[in-house]
N, C-alpha and C. Protein backbone atom coordinates (compact mmCIF):
# COMPACT_ATOMS: atom_id res chain seq x y z
N MET A 1 18.94 8.54 5.71
CA MET A 1 17.82 9.04 6.51
C MET A 1 16.67 8.05 6.45
N LEU A 2 15.79 8.11 7.41
CA LEU A 2 14.67 7.19 7.51
C LEU A 2 13.69 7.38 6.37
N SER A 3 13.20 6.27 5.84
CA SER A 3 12.26 6.35 4.73
C SER A 3 10.96 5.60 5.02
N ASN A 4 10.79 5.06 6.21
CA ASN A 4 9.60 4.28 6.54
C ASN A 4 8.35 5.15 6.47
N GLU A 5 7.32 4.64 5.80
CA GLU A 5 6.07 5.37 5.64
C GLU A 5 5.45 5.75 6.99
N ALA A 6 5.57 4.88 7.97
CA ALA A 6 4.95 5.14 9.27
C ALA A 6 5.53 6.35 9.96
N LEU A 7 6.74 6.73 9.62
CA LEU A 7 7.40 7.83 10.30
C LEU A 7 7.10 9.18 9.67
N LYS A 8 6.27 9.21 8.65
CA LYS A 8 5.93 10.48 8.02
C LYS A 8 4.93 11.27 8.85
N PHE A 9 4.24 10.62 9.77
CA PHE A 9 3.21 11.27 10.57
C PHE A 9 3.66 11.35 12.02
N GLY A 10 3.28 12.42 12.71
CA GLY A 10 3.65 12.60 14.10
C GLY A 10 4.40 13.90 14.28
N HIS A 11 5.11 14.01 15.39
CA HIS A 11 5.82 15.24 15.72
C HIS A 11 7.28 15.13 15.30
N ARG A 12 7.84 16.27 14.93
CA ARG A 12 9.26 16.36 14.62
C ARG A 12 9.89 17.36 15.57
N ARG A 13 11.10 17.07 16.01
CA ARG A 13 11.82 17.99 16.91
C ARG A 13 12.99 18.60 16.16
N TYR A 14 13.11 19.91 16.29
CA TYR A 14 14.20 20.63 15.65
C TYR A 14 15.02 21.34 16.71
N ARG A 15 16.28 21.57 16.41
CA ARG A 15 17.17 22.29 17.33
C ARG A 15 18.10 23.15 16.48
N SER A 16 18.41 24.32 17.01
CA SER A 16 19.37 25.19 16.33
C SER A 16 20.77 24.81 16.80
N ILE A 17 21.62 24.46 15.86
CA ILE A 17 23.01 24.11 16.17
C ILE A 17 23.88 25.09 15.40
N ASP A 18 24.64 25.89 16.12
CA ASP A 18 25.47 26.94 15.52
C ASP A 18 24.65 27.85 14.62
N GLY A 19 23.42 28.16 15.05
CA GLY A 19 22.57 29.07 14.31
C GLY A 19 21.88 28.46 13.10
N VAL A 20 22.01 27.15 12.89
CA VAL A 20 21.39 26.48 11.75
C VAL A 20 20.40 25.43 12.27
N ARG A 21 19.24 25.38 11.65
CA ARG A 21 18.18 24.47 12.08
C ARG A 21 18.49 23.03 11.66
N HIS A 22 18.33 22.10 12.64
CA HIS A 22 18.56 20.68 12.41
C HIS A 22 17.38 19.87 12.93
N LEU A 23 17.04 18.81 12.22
CA LEU A 23 16.05 17.84 12.68
C LEU A 23 16.77 16.89 13.64
N VAL A 24 16.27 16.78 14.87
CA VAL A 24 16.96 15.95 15.87
C VAL A 24 16.09 14.83 16.42
N GLY A 25 14.82 14.78 16.05
CA GLY A 25 13.98 13.72 16.58
C GLY A 25 12.64 13.62 15.91
N LEU A 26 12.04 12.44 16.04
CA LEU A 26 10.70 12.16 15.52
C LEU A 26 9.90 11.48 16.62
N ARG A 27 8.59 11.69 16.60
CA ARG A 27 7.73 10.96 17.52
C ARG A 27 6.43 10.60 16.81
N PRO A 28 6.50 9.55 15.99
CA PRO A 28 5.28 9.12 15.29
C PRO A 28 4.32 8.39 16.22
N THR A 29 3.04 8.48 15.90
CA THR A 29 1.99 7.74 16.59
C THR A 29 1.43 6.75 15.59
N ILE A 30 1.44 5.48 15.94
CA ILE A 30 0.96 4.43 15.04
C ILE A 30 -0.15 3.65 15.75
N ARG A 31 -1.24 3.43 15.04
CA ARG A 31 -2.37 2.68 15.61
C ARG A 31 -2.45 1.30 14.98
N PRO A 32 -2.95 0.32 15.74
CA PRO A 32 -3.10 -1.03 15.16
C PRO A 32 -4.19 -1.05 14.10
N TYR A 33 -4.06 -2.01 13.18
CA TYR A 33 -5.11 -2.24 12.21
C TYR A 33 -6.34 -2.76 12.95
N LEU A 34 -7.51 -2.56 12.39
CA LEU A 34 -8.75 -2.97 13.06
C LEU A 34 -8.78 -4.45 13.37
N THR A 35 -8.19 -5.28 12.52
CA THR A 35 -8.23 -6.73 12.71
C THR A 35 -6.97 -7.27 13.38
N GLU A 36 -6.07 -6.40 13.82
CA GLU A 36 -4.78 -6.82 14.37
C GLU A 36 -4.88 -7.07 15.88
N SER A 37 -4.38 -8.19 16.33
CA SER A 37 -4.39 -8.50 17.76
C SER A 37 -3.29 -7.70 18.47
N ASN A 38 -3.38 -7.64 19.79
CA ASN A 38 -2.33 -6.96 20.57
C ASN A 38 -0.97 -7.56 20.28
N GLU A 39 -0.90 -8.89 20.24
CA GLU A 39 0.37 -9.58 20.04
C GLU A 39 0.95 -9.28 18.65
N ASP A 40 0.08 -9.30 17.62
CA ASP A 40 0.55 -8.99 16.26
C ASP A 40 1.04 -7.56 16.16
N PHE A 41 0.33 -6.64 16.79
CA PHE A 41 0.74 -5.23 16.76
C PHE A 41 2.08 -5.04 17.48
N GLN A 42 2.23 -5.69 18.64
CA GLN A 42 3.49 -5.60 19.37
C GLN A 42 4.65 -6.17 18.54
N ARG A 43 4.39 -7.27 17.83
CA ARG A 43 5.41 -7.85 16.97
C ARG A 43 5.79 -6.89 15.84
N ARG A 44 4.76 -6.28 15.22
CA ARG A 44 5.01 -5.35 14.12
C ARG A 44 5.81 -4.13 14.60
N MET A 45 5.47 -3.62 15.79
CA MET A 45 6.20 -2.47 16.32
C MET A 45 7.62 -2.88 16.73
N GLY A 46 7.78 -4.12 17.18
CA GLY A 46 9.12 -4.63 17.50
C GLY A 46 10.00 -4.70 16.27
N ARG A 47 9.42 -5.13 15.15
CA ARG A 47 10.18 -5.16 13.89
C ARG A 47 10.56 -3.75 13.45
N LEU A 48 9.61 -2.80 13.59
CA LEU A 48 9.91 -1.41 13.24
C LEU A 48 11.02 -0.86 14.13
N GLU A 49 10.97 -1.18 15.42
CA GLU A 49 12.01 -0.74 16.35
C GLU A 49 13.37 -1.29 15.93
N GLU A 50 13.43 -2.57 15.54
CA GLU A 50 14.70 -3.16 15.08
C GLU A 50 15.23 -2.46 13.84
N ILE A 51 14.33 -2.15 12.90
CA ILE A 51 14.73 -1.44 11.69
C ILE A 51 15.31 -0.07 12.04
N LEU A 52 14.62 0.63 12.95
CA LEU A 52 15.09 1.96 13.35
C LEU A 52 16.45 1.90 14.04
N ARG A 53 16.60 0.94 14.95
CA ARG A 53 17.88 0.80 15.67
C ARG A 53 19.03 0.48 14.72
N GLY A 54 18.72 -0.17 13.59
CA GLY A 54 19.75 -0.53 12.63
C GLY A 54 20.12 0.61 11.68
N ASP A 55 19.36 1.72 11.74
CA ASP A 55 19.62 2.85 10.85
C ASP A 55 20.77 3.69 11.43
N SER A 56 21.74 4.01 10.60
CA SER A 56 22.91 4.76 11.07
C SER A 56 22.57 6.19 11.48
N GLY A 57 21.40 6.70 11.05
CA GLY A 57 21.00 8.06 11.41
C GLY A 57 20.23 8.14 12.71
N VAL A 58 20.06 7.00 13.39
CA VAL A 58 19.28 6.95 14.63
C VAL A 58 20.20 6.71 15.82
N ARG A 59 20.06 7.56 16.83
CA ARG A 59 20.86 7.39 18.05
C ARG A 59 20.14 6.54 19.09
N GLU A 60 18.81 6.71 19.19
CA GLU A 60 18.07 6.06 20.27
C GLU A 60 16.61 5.86 19.84
N VAL A 61 15.99 4.77 20.31
CA VAL A 61 14.59 4.47 20.01
C VAL A 61 13.90 4.02 21.29
N GLU A 62 12.71 4.55 21.54
CA GLU A 62 11.92 4.12 22.69
C GLU A 62 10.49 3.91 22.23
N VAL A 63 9.90 2.76 22.58
CA VAL A 63 8.55 2.40 22.17
C VAL A 63 7.65 2.38 23.40
N ASP A 64 6.48 3.03 23.28
CA ASP A 64 5.54 3.12 24.40
C ASP A 64 4.14 2.78 23.90
N PHE A 65 3.55 1.72 24.44
CA PHE A 65 2.20 1.32 24.05
C PHE A 65 1.19 1.95 24.98
N LYS A 66 0.11 2.48 24.42
CA LYS A 66 -0.99 3.04 25.20
C LYS A 66 -2.13 2.03 25.18
N TRP A 67 -2.61 1.69 26.37
CA TRP A 67 -3.64 0.66 26.52
C TRP A 67 -4.95 1.28 26.98
N ASN A 68 -6.09 0.64 26.59
CA ASN A 68 -7.40 1.02 27.07
C ASN A 68 -8.25 -0.25 27.10
N ASP A 69 -8.75 -0.60 28.25
CA ASP A 69 -9.58 -1.80 28.41
C ASP A 69 -8.91 -3.05 27.84
N GLU A 70 -7.67 -3.28 28.22
CA GLU A 70 -6.89 -4.46 27.84
C GLU A 70 -6.61 -4.56 26.34
N ALA A 71 -6.69 -3.44 25.65
CA ALA A 71 -6.37 -3.43 24.22
C ALA A 71 -5.40 -2.27 23.95
N ILE A 72 -4.46 -2.52 23.07
CA ILE A 72 -3.54 -1.45 22.68
C ILE A 72 -4.28 -0.53 21.72
N VAL A 73 -4.26 0.77 22.02
CA VAL A 73 -4.95 1.73 21.16
C VAL A 73 -3.98 2.51 20.27
N GLU A 74 -2.71 2.62 20.70
CA GLU A 74 -1.70 3.28 19.87
C GLU A 74 -0.31 3.02 20.42
N CYS A 75 0.66 3.29 19.58
CA CYS A 75 2.05 3.13 19.96
C CYS A 75 2.78 4.44 19.64
N LEU A 76 3.47 4.98 20.63
CA LEU A 76 4.29 6.16 20.43
C LEU A 76 5.74 5.70 20.34
N ILE A 77 6.42 6.13 19.29
CA ILE A 77 7.82 5.76 19.11
C ILE A 77 8.64 7.03 19.17
N ASP A 78 9.51 7.11 20.16
CA ASP A 78 10.37 8.28 20.32
C ASP A 78 11.72 7.96 19.68
N VAL A 79 12.08 8.71 18.64
CA VAL A 79 13.29 8.46 17.88
C VAL A 79 14.21 9.67 18.03
N VAL A 80 15.41 9.44 18.57
CA VAL A 80 16.43 10.49 18.64
C VAL A 80 17.38 10.29 17.47
N LEU A 81 17.51 11.32 16.66
CA LEU A 81 18.32 11.22 15.44
C LEU A 81 19.68 11.88 15.60
N VAL A 82 20.61 11.44 14.78
CA VAL A 82 21.84 12.20 14.58
C VAL A 82 21.35 13.47 13.89
N PRO A 83 21.73 14.67 14.35
CA PRO A 83 21.19 15.90 13.76
C PRO A 83 21.36 15.95 12.24
N VAL A 84 20.25 16.31 11.57
CA VAL A 84 20.21 16.40 10.11
C VAL A 84 19.87 17.84 9.75
N LEU A 85 20.63 18.45 8.87
CA LEU A 85 20.37 19.81 8.43
C LEU A 85 18.95 19.91 7.89
N ALA A 86 18.17 20.87 8.39
CA ALA A 86 16.77 21.03 7.99
C ALA A 86 16.44 22.52 7.92
N PRO A 87 16.95 23.21 6.90
CA PRO A 87 16.68 24.65 6.81
C PRO A 87 15.19 24.92 6.62
N ILE A 88 14.75 26.08 7.09
CA ILE A 88 13.37 26.47 6.93
C ILE A 88 13.17 26.89 5.48
N GLU A 89 12.17 26.30 4.84
CA GLU A 89 11.90 26.61 3.44
C GLU A 89 11.20 27.96 3.34
N ALA A 90 11.45 28.64 2.25
CA ALA A 90 10.81 29.94 2.02
C ALA A 90 9.30 29.77 1.92
N ASP A 91 8.56 30.73 2.45
CA ASP A 91 7.11 30.69 2.43
C ASP A 91 6.63 31.44 1.19
N ALA A 92 5.95 30.74 0.29
CA ALA A 92 5.49 31.35 -0.96
C ALA A 92 4.14 32.04 -0.82
N ARG A 93 3.52 31.93 0.36
CA ARG A 93 2.21 32.56 0.54
C ARG A 93 2.36 34.08 0.62
N PRO A 94 1.37 34.83 0.13
CA PRO A 94 1.46 36.30 0.22
C PRO A 94 1.27 36.75 1.67
N ALA A 95 1.91 37.82 2.03
CA ALA A 95 1.77 38.38 3.38
C ALA A 95 0.47 39.14 3.49
N GLY A 96 -0.03 39.28 4.70
CA GLY A 96 -1.23 40.08 4.93
C GLY A 96 -2.48 39.24 4.94
N ALA A 97 -3.59 39.88 4.61
CA ALA A 97 -4.90 39.23 4.67
C ALA A 97 -5.08 38.23 3.53
N ARG A 98 -6.19 37.52 3.57
CA ARG A 98 -6.49 36.54 2.53
C ARG A 98 -6.61 37.23 1.17
N THR A 99 -6.17 36.54 0.14
CA THR A 99 -6.25 37.09 -1.20
C THR A 99 -7.48 36.58 -1.94
N GLU A 100 -8.11 35.54 -1.43
CA GLU A 100 -9.31 34.98 -2.06
C GLU A 100 -10.40 34.89 -1.03
N GLN A 101 -11.66 35.03 -1.49
CA GLN A 101 -12.78 34.85 -0.58
C GLN A 101 -12.89 33.40 -0.19
N ARG A 102 -13.37 33.16 1.01
CA ARG A 102 -13.60 31.79 1.46
C ARG A 102 -15.09 31.53 1.51
N GLY A 103 -15.47 30.32 1.15
CA GLY A 103 -16.87 29.92 1.22
C GLY A 103 -17.69 30.50 0.10
N ALA A 104 -18.94 30.10 0.05
CA ALA A 104 -19.82 30.52 -1.03
C ALA A 104 -20.94 31.42 -0.55
N ARG A 105 -21.03 31.69 0.73
CA ARG A 105 -22.13 32.46 1.29
C ARG A 105 -22.18 33.85 0.65
N GLY A 106 -23.36 34.20 0.17
CA GLY A 106 -23.55 35.55 -0.37
C GLY A 106 -23.13 35.71 -1.81
N ARG A 107 -22.70 34.63 -2.47
CA ARG A 107 -22.27 34.77 -3.87
C ARG A 107 -23.24 34.07 -4.83
N GLY A 108 -24.40 33.65 -4.34
CA GLY A 108 -25.40 33.07 -5.22
C GLY A 108 -25.11 31.66 -5.68
N THR A 109 -24.23 30.95 -4.98
CA THR A 109 -23.95 29.57 -5.35
C THR A 109 -24.57 28.64 -4.32
N GLY A 110 -24.63 27.40 -4.64
CA GLY A 110 -25.13 26.43 -3.69
C GLY A 110 -26.55 26.01 -3.99
N VAL A 111 -27.17 25.29 -3.05
CA VAL A 111 -28.50 24.73 -3.23
C VAL A 111 -29.54 25.75 -2.80
N LYS A 112 -30.57 25.92 -3.62
CA LYS A 112 -31.68 26.81 -3.28
C LYS A 112 -32.72 25.98 -2.56
N LEU A 113 -33.07 26.36 -1.35
CA LEU A 113 -34.06 25.60 -0.58
C LEU A 113 -35.49 25.93 -1.00
N CYS A 114 -35.76 27.16 -1.40
CA CYS A 114 -37.10 27.56 -1.81
C CYS A 114 -37.06 28.00 -3.27
N PRO A 115 -37.90 27.42 -4.10
CA PRO A 115 -37.90 27.87 -5.50
C PRO A 115 -38.41 29.31 -5.58
N ALA A 116 -37.81 30.08 -6.46
CA ALA A 116 -38.18 31.49 -6.57
C ALA A 116 -39.17 31.71 -7.67
């Protein structure tokens, strides 16, 4: 399975196959570094695309650059995967309303604006 740090962020696509949940795709969004030129960013994304295409768990890769005022602002990479079993993990949160108060308002904490 893919282990590239850049692919940890973005959208994931799931599909039910024979009643079991599978991960079937990724769509990470990657932005250029502040000091990176368009050409350097395109080269870096090209290398990432080659790595992805060489992964046995990847069926298809498509790279799409988004431009604004002659500069690349982000790259969307659409990755179609060989389906990977991805069961839904149990939710450990309690059901119902919140179990803890949120915020500090009304509990006497925080900065006092007027000395008493």
